[in-house]
Structures are given as C-alpha cells and as structure tokens.
Protein backbone atom coordinates (compact mmCIF):
# COMPACT_ATOMS: atom_id res chain seq x y z
CA MET A 1 -19.71 -96.91 134.11
CA SER A 2 -18.98 -97.60 130.49
CA ASN A 3 -17.26 -94.21 130.26
CA THR A 4 -14.88 -95.21 133.01
CA ASN A 5 -14.06 -98.48 131.24
CA ASN A 6 -13.42 -96.69 127.97
CA THR A 7 -11.19 -94.17 129.70
CA SER A 8 -9.16 -96.81 131.46
CA GLU A 9 -8.94 -98.84 128.24
CA SER A 10 -7.79 -95.82 126.28
CA GLN A 11 -5.21 -95.01 128.96
CA ASP A 12 -3.96 -98.60 128.84
CA SER A 13 -3.71 -98.47 125.06
CA GLN A 14 -1.88 -95.12 125.21
CA GLN A 15 0.59 -96.49 127.74
CA SER A 16 1.20 -99.63 125.70
CA SER A 17 1.66 -97.61 122.52
CA GLN A 18 4.10 -95.30 124.30
CA LYS A 19 6.07 -98.32 125.51
CA SER A 20 6.15 -99.75 122.02
CA GLN A 21 7.23 -96.41 120.56
CA LYS A 22 10.26 -96.04 122.81
CA PRO A 23 12.25 -98.92 121.26
CA HIS A 24 11.14 -97.84 117.79
CA ASN A 25 12.30 -94.28 118.39
CA SER A 26 15.65 -95.44 119.70
CA GLN A 27 16.05 -97.65 116.63
CA SER A 28 15.22 -94.72 114.39
CA SER A 29 17.75 -92.50 116.11
CA ARG A 30 20.39 -95.23 115.82
CA SER A 31 19.58 -95.63 112.12
CA SER A 32 19.83 -91.88 111.52
CA GLN A 33 23.13 -91.77 113.42
CA LYS A 34 24.47 -94.59 111.24
CA SER A 35 23.28 -92.87 108.07
CA GLN A 36 24.87 -89.59 109.14
CA ALA A 37 28.12 -91.37 109.93
CA SER A 38 28.06 -93.19 106.58
CA GLN A 39 27.05 -90.35 104.26
CA LYS A 40 30.04 -91.19 102.08
CA PRO A 41 28.59 -92.60 98.86
CA ARG A 42 29.31 -96.17 97.83
CA PRO A 43 31.47 -96.71 94.72
CA MET A 44 28.59 -98.06 92.62
CA GLU A 45 26.46 -95.04 93.56
CA VAL A 46 29.32 -92.76 92.51
CA LEU A 47 29.67 -94.57 89.16
CA ARG A 48 25.96 -94.39 88.37
CA GLU A 49 25.67 -90.77 89.43
CA ALA A 50 28.78 -89.73 87.47
CA ARG A 51 27.47 -91.36 84.28
CA ALA A 52 24.08 -89.70 84.72
CA GLN A 53 25.58 -86.25 85.41
CA LEU A 54 27.98 -86.45 82.45
CA ALA A 55 25.18 -87.58 80.12
CA GLU A 56 22.99 -84.73 81.30
CA LEU A 57 25.73 -82.14 80.82
CA THR A 58 26.96 -83.32 77.42
CA GLY A 59 23.75 -84.72 75.97
CA MET A 60 25.68 -87.84 74.94
CA THR A 61 25.32 -91.43 76.08
CA ALA A 62 27.83 -92.53 78.71
CA GLU A 63 28.41 -96.17 77.77
CA SER A 64 30.96 -97.44 80.27
CA VAL A 65 33.49 -96.53 82.92
CA SER A 66 36.97 -97.69 81.93
CA SER A 67 38.80 -96.51 85.05
CA PHE A 68 37.77 -95.47 88.52
CA GLU A 69 39.74 -94.39 91.58
CA GLN A 70 39.26 -92.55 94.82
CA THR A 71 41.44 -89.46 95.23
CA GLU A 72 42.19 -87.13 98.13
CA ASP A 73 39.52 -84.71 96.88
CA GLY A 74 36.89 -87.25 95.81
CA TRP A 75 36.81 -89.52 92.77
CA SER A 76 38.37 -89.67 89.31
CA LEU A 77 36.80 -91.66 86.47
CA GLU A 78 37.41 -92.25 82.81
CA VAL A 79 34.08 -92.62 81.01
CA GLU A 80 33.57 -93.86 77.46
CA VAL A 81 30.93 -91.80 75.64
CA LEU A 82 29.18 -92.32 72.31
CA GLU A 83 29.79 -89.02 70.52
CA LEU A 84 28.57 -89.80 66.99
CA GLU A 85 26.59 -92.86 66.02
CA ARG A 86 27.38 -94.30 62.59
CA VAL A 87 26.49 -97.34 60.52
CA PRO A 88 28.09 -99.80 60.86
CA ASP A 89 28.36 -99.43 64.61
CA THR A 90 32.11 -100.12 64.52
CA MET A 91 32.57 -96.75 62.78
CA SER A 92 30.80 -94.77 65.53
CA LEU A 93 32.92 -92.09 67.18
CA MET A 94 33.66 -92.56 70.85
CA GLY A 95 35.18 -90.18 73.35
CA SER A 96 37.05 -90.99 76.52
CA TYR A 97 36.32 -88.39 79.21
CA LEU A 98 38.18 -87.77 82.45
CA VAL A 99 35.53 -86.97 85.06
CA GLU A 100 36.31 -85.46 88.47
CA LEU A 101 33.87 -85.73 91.38
CA ASP A 102 33.98 -84.33 94.91
CA SER A 103 33.85 -86.57 98.00
CA GLU A 104 30.03 -86.51 97.92
CA GLY A 105 29.90 -87.75 94.31
CA GLN A 106 28.99 -84.44 92.66
CA LEU A 107 30.64 -83.73 89.31
CA THR A 108 33.18 -80.91 89.57
CA GLY A 109 34.69 -81.11 86.10
CA TYR A 110 35.28 -83.19 82.97
CA ARG A 111 37.36 -83.13 79.80
CA ARG A 112 37.75 -85.30 76.74
CA VAL A 113 41.14 -87.00 76.72
CA LYS A 114 40.74 -89.14 73.61
CA ARG A 115 38.50 -89.57 70.56
CA TYR A 116 38.42 -92.77 68.51
CA GLU A 117 36.33 -95.00 66.29
CA ARG A 118 34.57 -97.76 68.19
CA GLY A 119 36.10 -100.51 66.04
CA ARG A 120 39.71 -99.37 66.48
CA ALA A 121 42.09 -101.05 68.90
CA ASP A 122 43.70 -98.95 71.62
CA GLY A 123 47.07 -97.77 70.21
CA ARG A 124 48.66 -96.88 73.57
CA GLY A 125 50.33 -100.23 74.17
CA SER A 126 51.37 -100.95 70.56
CA ARG A 127 54.88 -99.42 70.69
C-alpha cells in the first residue's frame, strides 16, 4: 500500500513540476527571442570593447574616448592612447587613434591621426 502512495505522490509531484516548468520555459523562450532581437551592442559596451581591443593590439593604454559615433557600417571612435610615459606626466606622449568597428562591435581597423604631448593644448581651434 505504501508503494501505491509513493507512486501517486511522485506522479502528483511530476505533474506539478511539469505545470510549473511550462511558464518558466515560455519565459525563457521569450527572453531568448528578446536577446536575439537585441543583439546589437549598447554604446557603452562598444566603448569598453573598443578600448580593450585597441589596447590588446597596440600594447598601449587606451585612456579615453574623445569622439564616438554610429556609422552605416558600425561605429567610429577617436581614442586617446598613452604612447610614451615621461616624467613629469605632462610631457608624456599621447596618440589620438581613429578606431573603426563593425556593427557587432568588433574592431576592423585603426590608425593614429595625431601625436602630442599630454600637457599641450589642442592647436586645431587656435587659428
């Protein structure tokens, strides 16, 4: 008799667990559908990933992002990089790099567009 009770109890527990799994599974499928629909990276994720990728490729510290825009092909950033550390710090050499990323945030190319001492003012607007 105890076997019958255990069997019916286990069947009841299986049925209740199956009922509780159905909403959970539908929530999981909705979450995965949302994540598939929103696979486009967020701007802050793109910035962090771009800095990390550039630092890994060049071996230099990416200090800041001075410009950032979304393009037809992905993203375009200008990243300030510490190229040569000097004492005092205001004499350190900095480089400004144009970094191109695809729509998924993967680095597709970069180039240095300017090199300057950290303590120098930007001369572009001084004319």
